[in-house]
Amino acid sequence: METILFEVQNAVAFITLNRPEKLNAFNREMALLLQQKLDECGASHEIRCVYITGSGKGFCAGQDLAEVADPTGIGMHGILKDQFNPIVTKIRKLEKPVVAAVNGVAAGAGANIALCCDIVVASSSASFIQAFSKIGLIPDSGGTFTLPRLIGWQKASALMMLGEKVNADEAERMGMIYKVFADDVFEEESKKIAVTLAGMPTRGLWYTKQALSWAFSHTWHEQLMNEDKLQQRAAGTADFKEGVQAFLEKRKANFKGE
């Protein structure tokens, strides 16, 4: 059975983590295959948005601990260096929007992989757990960078140290995620977001993603300069010209992602 399911429809790459018997916990095979699929998404002109979800009842339970306990394995350093750090880095550097559709529990690295995506939505039965403290580890996969910026230092510190489960509604209230959908409409509504993004000006979305990432480490003046630089690039795209022309002609724009 393939550990990653992959298909492209309506300019969206649908990636499904597929170890449902393990709540889609990562083993090495799945982590490396996800990296490969993210690279394919980056190289494809056809793909203009990426949608990541899980099969079965969970989104992702993080690292498969059976692999960690294997004395012949690569150890935690190898797991982070070869598996999780490349995944979150590829998501952040992907020049296309990435939607995380959290359909169930997202724990440990699974939670932090979801939270590093550009738009995170969840089903009403989903939950998020910074489970690392329960086994004596620290949050990884960018969690110590991302979570405090989403919900603040105190909330992030408490959730990481106590390892408390956060249900989807509470995650939305505290600003951890964008939106919650009822379970019966979750798949339909979350995919609508991805299809909408795929029909938008892809280069402009990438420049927005860059600007948001730079905002974490730049001063006000530096960020104004960054916006100027990125805005000039956006104004040089074919989609900008099409957007302005469509506005003047009072018609729907036909963006090509160029």
C-alpha atoms as a PDB file:
ATOM      1  CA  MET A   1       0.000   0.000   0.000  1.00  0.00           C
ATOM      2  CA  GLU A   2       1.336   3.421  -0.961  1.00  0.00           C
ATOM      3  CA  THR A   3       2.062   5.540   2.097  1.00  0.00           C
ATOM      4  CA  ILE A   4       1.293   8.715   0.115  1.00  0.00           C
ATOM      5  CA  LEU A   5      -1.668   9.028  -2.239  1.00  0.00           C
ATOM      6  CA  PHE A   6      -1.288  11.664  -4.938  1.00  0.00           C
ATOM      7  CA  GLU A   7      -3.548  13.024  -7.653  1.00  0.00           C
ATOM      8  CA  VAL A   8      -3.970  16.284  -9.542  1.00  0.00           C
ATOM      9  CA  GLN A   9      -7.383  17.752 -10.324  1.00  0.00           C
ATOM     10  CA  ASN A  10      -8.419  21.307 -11.187  1.00  0.00           C
ATOM     11  CA  ALA A  11      -4.778  22.448 -10.867  1.00  0.00           C
ATOM     12  CA  VAL A  12      -4.701  21.180  -7.252  1.00  0.00           C
ATOM     13  CA  ALA A  13      -2.312  18.464  -6.074  1.00  0.00           C
ATOM     14  CA  PHE A  14      -4.165  16.369  -3.520  1.00  0.00           C
ATOM     15  CA  ILE A  15      -1.698  14.673  -1.162  1.00  0.00           C
ATOM     16  CA  THR A  16      -3.070  12.139   1.320  1.00  0.00           C
ATOM     17  CA  LEU A  17      -0.963  10.688   4.137  1.00  0.00           C
ATOM     18  CA  ASN A  18      -1.880   7.025   3.962  1.00  0.00           C
ATOM     19  CA  ARG A  19      -0.991   4.902   6.980  1.00  0.00           C
ATOM     20  CA  PRO A  20      -4.483   4.909   8.517  1.00  0.00           C
ATOM     21  CA  GLU A  21      -3.770   1.936  10.777  1.00  0.00           C
ATOM     22  CA  LYS A  22      -1.107   4.126  12.474  1.00  0.00           C
ATOM     23  CA  LEU A  23      -3.148   7.366  12.348  1.00  0.00           C
ATOM     24  CA  ASN A  24      -0.810   8.300   9.487  1.00  0.00           C
ATOM     25  CA  ALA A  25       2.263   8.434  11.727  1.00  0.00           C
ATOM     26  CA  PHE A  26       5.401   8.966   9.666  1.00  0.00           C
ATOM     27  CA  ASN A  27       7.877   6.248   8.951  1.00  0.00           C
ATOM     28  CA  ARG A  28      10.931   6.948   6.818  1.00  0.00           C
ATOM     29  CA  GLU A  29       9.281   5.725   3.629  1.00  0.00           C
ATOM     30  CA  MET A  30       6.318   8.074   4.015  1.00  0.00           C
ATOM     31  CA  ALA A  31       8.480  11.080   4.959  1.00  0.00           C
ATOM     32  CA  LEU A  32      10.778  10.677   1.965  1.00  0.00           C
ATOM     33  CA  LEU A  33       7.861  10.078  -0.399  1.00  0.00           C
ATOM     34  CA  LEU A  34       6.112  13.225   0.835  1.00  0.00           C
ATOM     35  CA  GLN A  35       9.280  15.208   0.127  1.00  0.00           C
ATOM     36  CA  GLN A  36       9.360  13.760  -3.383  1.00  0.00           C
ATOM     37  CA  LYS A  37       5.741  14.739  -3.999  1.00  0.00           C
ATOM     38  CA  LEU A  38       6.325  18.273  -2.710  1.00  0.00           C
ATOM     39  CA  ASP A  39       9.253  18.578  -5.122  1.00  0.00           C
ATOM     40  CA  GLU A  40       7.011  17.405  -7.965  1.00  0.00           C
ATOM     41  CA  CYS A  41       4.445  20.033  -6.997  1.00  0.00           C
ATOM     42  CA  GLY A  42       7.100  22.733  -7.093  1.00  0.00           C
ATOM     43  CA  ALA A  43       8.342  21.679 -10.536  1.00  0.00           C
ATOM     44  CA  SER A  44       4.930  21.326 -12.188  1.00  0.00           C
ATOM     45  CA  HIS A  45       3.407  24.257 -14.090  1.00  0.00           C
ATOM     46  CA  GLU A  46       0.056  22.470 -14.019  1.00  0.00           C
ATOM     47  CA  ILE A  47      -0.146  22.463 -10.211  1.00  0.00           C
ATOM     48  CA  ARG A  48      -1.118  25.807  -8.654  1.00  0.00           C
ATOM     49  CA  CYS A  49      -2.130  24.724  -5.149  1.00  0.00           C
ATOM     50  CA  VAL A  50      -1.311  21.810  -2.823  1.00  0.00           C
ATOM     51  CA  TYR A  51      -3.838  20.196  -0.466  1.00  0.00           C
ATOM     52  CA  ILE A  52      -2.597  17.884   2.300  1.00  0.00           C
ATOM     53  CA  THR A  53      -4.870  15.642   4.360  1.00  0.00           C
ATOM     54  CA  GLY A  54      -4.885  12.232   6.028  1.00  0.00           C
ATOM     55  CA  SER A  55      -6.703   8.988   5.309  1.00  0.00           C
ATOM     56  CA  GLY A  56      -8.976   7.340   7.846  1.00  0.00           C
ATOM     57  CA  LYS A  57      -9.678   8.919  11.235  1.00  0.00           C
ATOM     58  CA  GLY A  58      -6.478  10.903  11.703  1.00  0.00           C
ATOM     59  CA  PHE A  59      -4.494  13.627   9.977  1.00  0.00           C
ATOM     60  CA  CYS A  60      -1.107  12.593  11.338  1.00  0.00           C
ATOM     61  CA  ALA A  61       0.056  11.252  14.713  1.00  0.00           C
ATOM     62  CA  GLY A  62       3.617  12.492  14.167  1.00  0.00           C
ATOM     63  CA  GLN A  63       6.576  10.130  14.139  1.00  0.00           C
ATOM     64  CA  ASP A  64       6.039   6.373  14.326  1.00  0.00           C
ATOM     65  CA  LEU A  65       7.714   5.637  17.664  1.00  0.00           C
ATOM     66  CA  ALA A  66       8.440   2.050  16.684  1.00  0.00           C
ATOM     67  CA  GLU A  67      10.963   3.453  14.233  1.00  0.00           C
ATOM     68  CA  VAL A  68      12.492   5.677  16.940  1.00  0.00           C
ATOM     69  CA  ALA A  69      12.886   2.696  19.276  1.00  0.00           C
ATOM     70  CA  ASP A  70      14.680   0.635  16.637  1.00  0.00           C
ATOM     71  CA  PRO A  71      18.338   0.450  17.769  1.00  0.00           C
ATOM     72  CA  THR A  72      19.440   0.059  14.145  1.00  0.00           C
ATOM     73  CA  GLY A  73      17.608   3.226  13.086  1.00  0.00           C
ATOM     74  CA  ILE A  74      18.944   6.702  12.315  1.00  0.00           C
ATOM     75  CA  GLY A  75      17.985   8.243  15.675  1.00  0.00           C
ATOM     76  CA  MET A  76      16.234  11.533  16.376  1.00  0.00           C
ATOM     77  CA  HIS A  77      18.935  13.631  14.710  1.00  0.00           C
ATOM     78  CA  GLY A  78      18.602  11.635  11.507  1.00  0.00           C
ATOM     79  CA  ILE A  79      14.807  11.763  11.651  1.00  0.00           C
ATOM     80  CA  LEU A  80      14.786  15.549  11.940  1.00  0.00           C
ATOM     81  CA  LYS A  81      17.622  16.144   9.459  1.00  0.00           C
ATOM     82  CA  ASP A  82      16.423  13.719   6.787  1.00  0.00           C
ATOM     83  CA  GLN A  83      12.664  13.641   7.315  1.00  0.00           C
ATOM     84  CA  PHE A  84      10.830  16.410   9.164  1.00  0.00           C
ATOM     85  CA  ASN A  85      13.018  19.467   8.653  1.00  0.00           C
ATOM     86  CA  PRO A  86      13.057  18.985   4.867  1.00  0.00           C
ATOM     87  CA  ILE A  87       9.261  18.539   4.818  1.00  0.00           C
ATOM     88  CA  VAL A  88       8.437  21.794   6.621  1.00  0.00           C
ATOM     89  CA  THR A  89      11.153  23.662   4.705  1.00  0.00           C
ATOM     90  CA  LYS A  90       9.788  22.471   1.371  1.00  0.00           C
ATOM     91  CA  ILE A  91       6.259  23.544   2.370  1.00  0.00           C
ATOM     92  CA  ARG A  92       7.452  27.028   3.354  1.00  0.00           C
ATOM     93  CA  LYS A  93       9.567  27.401   0.193  1.00  0.00           C
ATOM     94  CA  LEU A  94       6.968  26.007  -2.189  1.00  0.00           C
ATOM     95  CA  GLU A  95       6.032  28.825  -4.565  1.00  0.00           C
ATOM     96  CA  LYS A  96       2.355  27.871  -4.351  1.00  0.00           C
ATOM     97  CA  PRO A  97      -0.218  27.971  -1.536  1.00  0.00           C
ATOM     98  CA  VAL A  98      -0.458  24.879   0.648  1.00  0.00           C
ATOM     99  CA  VAL A  99      -3.715  23.965   2.408  1.00  0.00           C
ATOM    100  CA  ALA A 100      -3.684  21.596   5.384  1.00  0.00           C
ATOM    101  CA  ALA A 101      -7.056  19.872   5.711  1.00  0.00           C
ATOM    102  CA  VAL A 102      -6.911  18.396   9.213  1.00  0.00           C
ATOM    103  CA  ASN A 103      -9.513  15.634   9.232  1.00  0.00           C
ATOM    104  CA  GLY A 104      -8.703  14.141  12.660  1.00  0.00           C
ATOM    105  CA  VAL A 105      -6.013  14.141  15.301  1.00  0.00           C
ATOM    106  CA  ALA A 106      -2.842  16.074  14.446  1.00  0.00           C
ATOM    107  CA  ALA A 107      -0.220  15.264  17.068  1.00  0.00           C
ATOM    108  CA  GLY A 108       3.454  16.048  17.531  1.00  0.00           C
ATOM    109  CA  ALA A 109       5.215  16.610  14.226  1.00  0.00           C
ATOM    110  CA  GLY A 110       1.871  16.004  12.520  1.00  0.00           C
ATOM    111  CA  ALA A 111       0.444  19.091  14.205  1.00  0.00           C
ATOM    112  CA  ASN A 112       3.453  21.244  13.361  1.00  0.00           C
ATOM    113  CA  ILE A 113       3.540  20.141   9.728  1.00  0.00           C
ATOM    114  CA  ALA A 114      -0.101  21.194   9.469  1.00  0.00           C
ATOM    115  CA  LEU A 115       0.513  24.523  11.194  1.00  0.00           C
ATOM    116  CA  CYS A 116       3.350  25.478   8.853  1.00  0.00           C
ATOM    117  CA  CYS A 117       0.982  25.354   5.878  1.00  0.00           C
ATOM    118  CA  ASP A 118      -0.440  28.575   4.462  1.00  0.00           C
ATOM    119  CA  ILE A 119      -4.083  27.895   5.286  1.00  0.00           C
ATOM    120  CA  VAL A 120      -5.139  25.344   7.924  1.00  0.00           C
ATOM    121  CA  VAL A 121      -8.727  24.144   8.170  1.00  0.00           C
ATOM    122  CA  ALA A 122     -10.089  21.386  10.371  1.00  0.00           C
ATOM    123  CA  SER A 123     -13.098  19.137  10.697  1.00  0.00           C
ATOM    124  CA  SER A 124     -15.193  19.661  13.817  1.00  0.00           C
ATOM    125  CA  SER A 125     -13.913  16.339  15.229  1.00  0.00           C
ATOM    126  CA  ALA A 126     -10.224  17.189  14.662  1.00  0.00           C
ATOM    127  CA  SER A 127      -7.775  18.035  17.428  1.00  0.00           C
ATOM    128  CA  PHE A 128      -4.224  19.300  17.851  1.00  0.00           C
ATOM    129  CA  ILE A 129      -1.735  18.011  20.426  1.00  0.00           C
ATOM    130  CA  GLN A 130       1.834  19.100  21.118  1.00  0.00           C
ATOM    131  CA  ALA A 131       2.510  15.602  22.403  1.00  0.00           C
ATOM    132  CA  PHE A 132       6.288  15.835  22.721  1.00  0.00           C
ATOM    133  CA  SER A 133       6.446  16.511  26.478  1.00  0.00           C
ATOM    134  CA  LYS A 134       4.593  13.257  27.137  1.00  0.00           C
ATOM    135  CA  ILE A 135       7.673  11.301  26.070  1.00  0.00           C
ATOM    136  CA  GLY A 136      10.381  13.711  27.208  1.00  0.00           C
ATOM    137  CA  LEU A 137      11.015  15.489  23.899  1.00  0.00           C
ATOM    138  CA  ILE A 138      10.733  19.093  22.740  1.00  0.00           C
ATOM    139  CA  PRO A 139       8.461  20.309  19.920  1.00  0.00           C
ATOM    140  CA  ASP A 140      10.132  20.027  16.526  1.00  0.00           C
ATOM    141  CA  SER A 141       9.229  20.441  12.856  1.00  0.00           C
ATOM    142  CA  GLY A 142       9.257  24.209  13.334  1.00  0.00           C
ATOM    143  CA  GLY A 143       6.691  24.153  16.123  1.00  0.00           C
ATOM    144  CA  THR A 144       8.651  26.396  18.483  1.00  0.00           C
ATOM    145  CA  PHE A 145       8.841  28.972  15.689  1.00  0.00           C
ATOM    146  CA  THR A 146       5.311  28.736  14.313  1.00  0.00           C
ATOM    147  CA  LEU A 147       3.009  28.179  17.284  1.00  0.00           C
ATOM    148  CA  PRO A 148       4.025  31.200  19.435  1.00  0.00           C
ATOM    149  CA  ARG A 149       3.595  33.434  16.401  1.00  0.00           C
ATOM    150  CA  LEU A 150       0.095  32.068  15.848  1.00  0.00           C
ATOM    151  CA  ILE A 151      -1.276  32.087  19.394  1.00  0.00           C
ATOM    152  CA  GLY A 152       1.237  33.960  21.573  1.00  0.00           C
ATOM    153  CA  TRP A 153       4.046  32.951  23.909  1.00  0.00           C
ATOM    154  CA  GLN A 154       1.965  31.987  26.958  1.00  0.00           C
ATOM    155  CA  LYS A 155      -0.546  29.814  25.128  1.00  0.00           C
ATOM    156  CA  ALA A 156       2.180  28.100  23.118  1.00  0.00           C
ATOM    157  CA  SER A 157       4.334  27.507  26.183  1.00  0.00           C
ATOM    158  CA  ALA A 158       1.451  25.967  28.141  1.00  0.00           C
ATOM    159  CA  LEU A 159       0.273  23.740  25.299  1.00  0.00           C
ATOM    160  CA  MET A 160       3.796  22.516  24.626  1.00  0.00           C
ATOM    161  CA  MET A 161       4.668  21.832  28.259  1.00  0.00           C
ATOM    162  CA  LEU A 162       1.336  20.379  29.369  1.00  0.00           C
ATOM    163  CA  GLY A 163       0.646  18.497  26.148  1.00  0.00           C
ATOM    164  CA  GLU A 164      -3.059  19.330  26.321  1.00  0.00           C
ATOM    165  CA  LYS A 165      -5.391  18.407  23.490  1.00  0.00           C
ATOM    166  CA  VAL A 166      -6.961  21.377  21.688  1.00  0.00           C
ATOM    167  CA  ASN A 167     -10.197  20.676  19.846  1.00  0.00           C
ATOM    168  CA  ALA A 168     -10.869  22.258  16.462  1.00  0.00           C
ATOM    169  CA  ASP A 169     -13.249  24.946  17.713  1.00  0.00           C
ATOM    170  CA  GLU A 170     -10.789  26.097  20.375  1.00  0.00           C
ATOM    171  CA  ALA A 171      -7.945  26.055  17.830  1.00  0.00           C
ATOM    172  CA  GLU A 172      -9.964  28.400  15.635  1.00  0.00           C
ATOM    173  CA  ARG A 173     -10.857  30.691  18.560  1.00  0.00           C
ATOM    174  CA  MET A 174      -7.225  31.114  19.592  1.00  0.00           C
ATOM    175  CA  GLY A 175      -6.069  31.794  16.032  1.00  0.00           C
ATOM    176  CA  MET A 176      -4.166  28.543  15.579  1.00  0.00           C
ATOM    177  CA  ILE A 177      -6.129  27.674  12.424  1.00  0.00           C
ATOM    178  CA  TYR A 178      -8.248  29.498   9.854  1.00  0.00           C
ATOM    179  CA  LYS A 179     -11.610  27.760   9.973  1.00  0.00           C
ATOM    180  CA  VAL A 180     -13.585  24.708  11.182  1.00  0.00           C
ATOM    181  CA  PHE A 181     -16.136  22.838   9.074  1.00  0.00           C
ATOM    182  CA  ALA A 182     -18.689  20.279  10.231  1.00  0.00           C
ATOM    183  CA  ASP A 183     -17.531  16.733   9.570  1.00  0.00           C
ATOM    184  CA  ASP A 184     -20.192  16.039   6.953  1.00  0.00           C
ATOM    185  CA  VAL A 185     -19.146  18.971   4.744  1.00  0.00           C
ATOM    186  CA  PHE A 186     -15.462  19.155   5.657  1.00  0.00           C
ATOM    187  CA  GLU A 187     -14.013  17.462   2.589  1.00  0.00           C
ATOM    188  CA  GLU A 188     -16.191  19.440   0.177  1.00  0.00           C
ATOM    189  CA  GLU A 189     -15.582  22.822   1.837  1.00  0.00           C
ATOM    190  CA  SER A 190     -11.860  22.354   2.367  1.00  0.00           C
ATOM    191  CA  LYS A 191     -11.343  21.307  -1.235  1.00  0.00           C
ATOM    192  CA  LYS A 192     -13.264  24.391  -2.390  1.00  0.00           C
ATOM    193  CA  ILE A 193     -10.600  26.532  -0.737  1.00  0.00           C
ATOM    194  CA  ALA A 194      -7.834  24.730  -2.602  1.00  0.00           C
ATOM    195  CA  VAL A 195      -9.642  24.983  -5.946  1.00  0.00           C
ATOM    196  CA  THR A 196     -10.259  28.695  -5.354  1.00  0.00           C
ATOM    197  CA  LEU A 197      -6.564  29.269  -4.629  1.00  0.00           C
ATOM    198  CA  ALA A 198      -5.590  27.304  -7.735  1.00  0.00           C
ATOM    199  CA  GLY A 199      -7.606  29.745  -9.849  1.00  0.00           C
ATOM    200  CA  MET A 200      -5.959  32.836  -8.376  1.00  0.00           C
ATOM    201  CA  PRO A 201      -2.744  34.662  -9.411  1.00  0.00           C
ATOM    202  CA  THR A 202      -0.177  32.085  -8.285  1.00  0.00           C
ATOM    203  CA  ARG A 203       2.859  34.379  -8.422  1.00  0.00           C
ATOM    204  CA  GLY A 204       1.087  37.012  -6.362  1.00  0.00           C
ATOM    205  CA  LEU A 205       0.177  34.398  -3.758  1.00  0.00           C
ATOM    206  CA  TRP A 206       3.819  33.278  -3.617  1.00  0.00           C
ATOM    207  CA  TYR A 207       4.984  36.865  -3.077  1.00  0.00           C
ATOM    208  CA  THR A 208       2.413  37.217  -0.291  1.00  0.00           C
ATOM    209  CA  LYS A 209       3.756  34.031   1.283  1.00  0.00           C
ATOM    210  CA  GLN A 210       7.287  35.437   1.078  1.00  0.00           C
ATOM    211  CA  ALA A 211       6.283  38.752   2.625  1.00  0.00           C
ATOM    212  CA  LEU A 212       4.565  37.033   5.549  1.00  0.00           C
ATOM    213  CA  SER A 213       7.621  34.872   6.190  1.00  0.00           C
ATOM    214  CA  TRP A 214       9.947  37.881   6.106  1.00  0.00           C
ATOM    215  CA  ALA A 215       7.716  39.785   8.551  1.00  0.00           C
ATOM    216  CA  PHE A 216       8.957  37.586  11.400  1.00  0.00           C
ATOM    217  CA  SER A 217      12.525  38.824  11.136  1.00  0.00           C
ATOM    218  CA  HIS A 218      12.429  42.368   9.728  1.00  0.00           C
ATOM    219  CA  THR A 219      11.792  45.834  11.107  1.00  0.00           C
ATOM    220  CA  TRP A 220       8.878  48.017  10.000  1.00  0.00           C
ATOM    221  CA  HIS A 221      11.079  49.954   7.571  1.00  0.00           C
ATOM    222  CA  GLU A 222      12.683  46.797   6.207  1.00  0.00           C
ATOM    223  CA  GLN A 223       9.281  45.244   5.658  1.00  0.00           C
ATOM    224  CA  LEU A 224       8.084  48.300   3.724  1.00  0.00           C
ATOM    225  CA  MET A 225      11.105  47.852   1.465  1.00  0.00           C
ATOM    226  CA  ASN A 226      10.317  44.148   1.130  1.00  0.00           C
ATOM    227  CA  GLU A 227       6.734  44.951   0.142  1.00  0.00           C
ATOM    228  CA  ASP A 228       7.981  47.426  -2.451  1.00  0.00           C
ATOM    229  CA  LYS A 229      10.322  44.852  -3.960  1.00  0.00           C
ATOM    230  CA  LEU A 230       7.691  42.108  -4.055  1.00  0.00           C
ATOM    231  CA  GLN A 231       4.991  44.441  -5.328  1.00  0.00           C
ATOM    232  CA  GLN A 232       7.179  45.365  -8.289  1.00  0.00           C
ATOM    233  CA  ARG A 233       7.568  41.684  -9.076  1.00  0.00           C
ATOM    234  CA  ALA A 234       3.824  41.114  -8.777  1.00  0.00           C
ATOM    235  CA  ALA A 235       3.122  44.092 -11.032  1.00  0.00           C
ATOM    236  CA  GLY A 236       5.323  42.519 -13.688  1.00  0.00           C
ATOM    237  CA  THR A 237       3.236  39.341 -13.957  1.00  0.00           C
ATOM    238  CA  ALA A 238       0.793  38.481 -16.709  1.00  0.00           C
ATOM    239  CA  ASP A 239      -1.867  37.811 -14.067  1.00  0.00           C
ATOM    240  CA  PHE A 240      -1.616  41.397 -12.799  1.00  0.00           C
ATOM    241  CA  LYS A 241      -2.201  42.727 -16.302  1.00  0.00           C
ATOM    242  CA  GLU A 242      -5.142  40.329 -16.726  1.00  0.00           C
ATOM    243  CA  GLY A 243      -6.592  41.321 -13.355  1.00  0.00           C
ATOM    244  CA  VAL A 244      -6.506  45.030 -14.175  1.00  0.00           C
ATOM    245  CA  GLN A 245      -7.942  44.480 -17.652  1.00  0.00           C
ATOM    246  CA  ALA A 246     -10.735  42.286 -16.276  1.00  0.00           C
ATOM    247  CA  PHE A 247     -11.581  44.935 -13.678  1.00  0.00           C
ATOM    248  CA  LEU A 248     -11.758  47.674 -16.333  1.00  0.00           C
ATOM    249  CA  GLU A 249     -13.873  45.458 -18.596  1.00  0.00           C
ATOM    250  CA  LYS A 250     -16.127  44.404 -15.684  1.00  0.00           C
ATOM    251  CA  ARG A 251     -15.578  40.698 -16.297  1.00  0.00           C
ATOM    252  CA  LYS A 252     -14.169  37.761 -14.360  1.00  0.00           C
ATOM    253  CA  ALA A 253     -10.398  37.510 -14.621  1.00  0.00           C
ATOM    254  CA  ASN A 254      -8.865  34.429 -16.251  1.00  0.00           C
ATOM    255  CA  PHE A 255      -5.646  33.952 -14.290  1.00  0.00           C
ATOM    256  CA  LYS A 256      -2.996  31.599 -15.650  1.00  0.00           C
ATOM    257  CA  GLY A 257      -0.616  31.515 -12.696  1.00  0.00           C
ATOM    258  CA  GLU A 258       1.990  33.458 -14.664  1.00  0.00           C
END
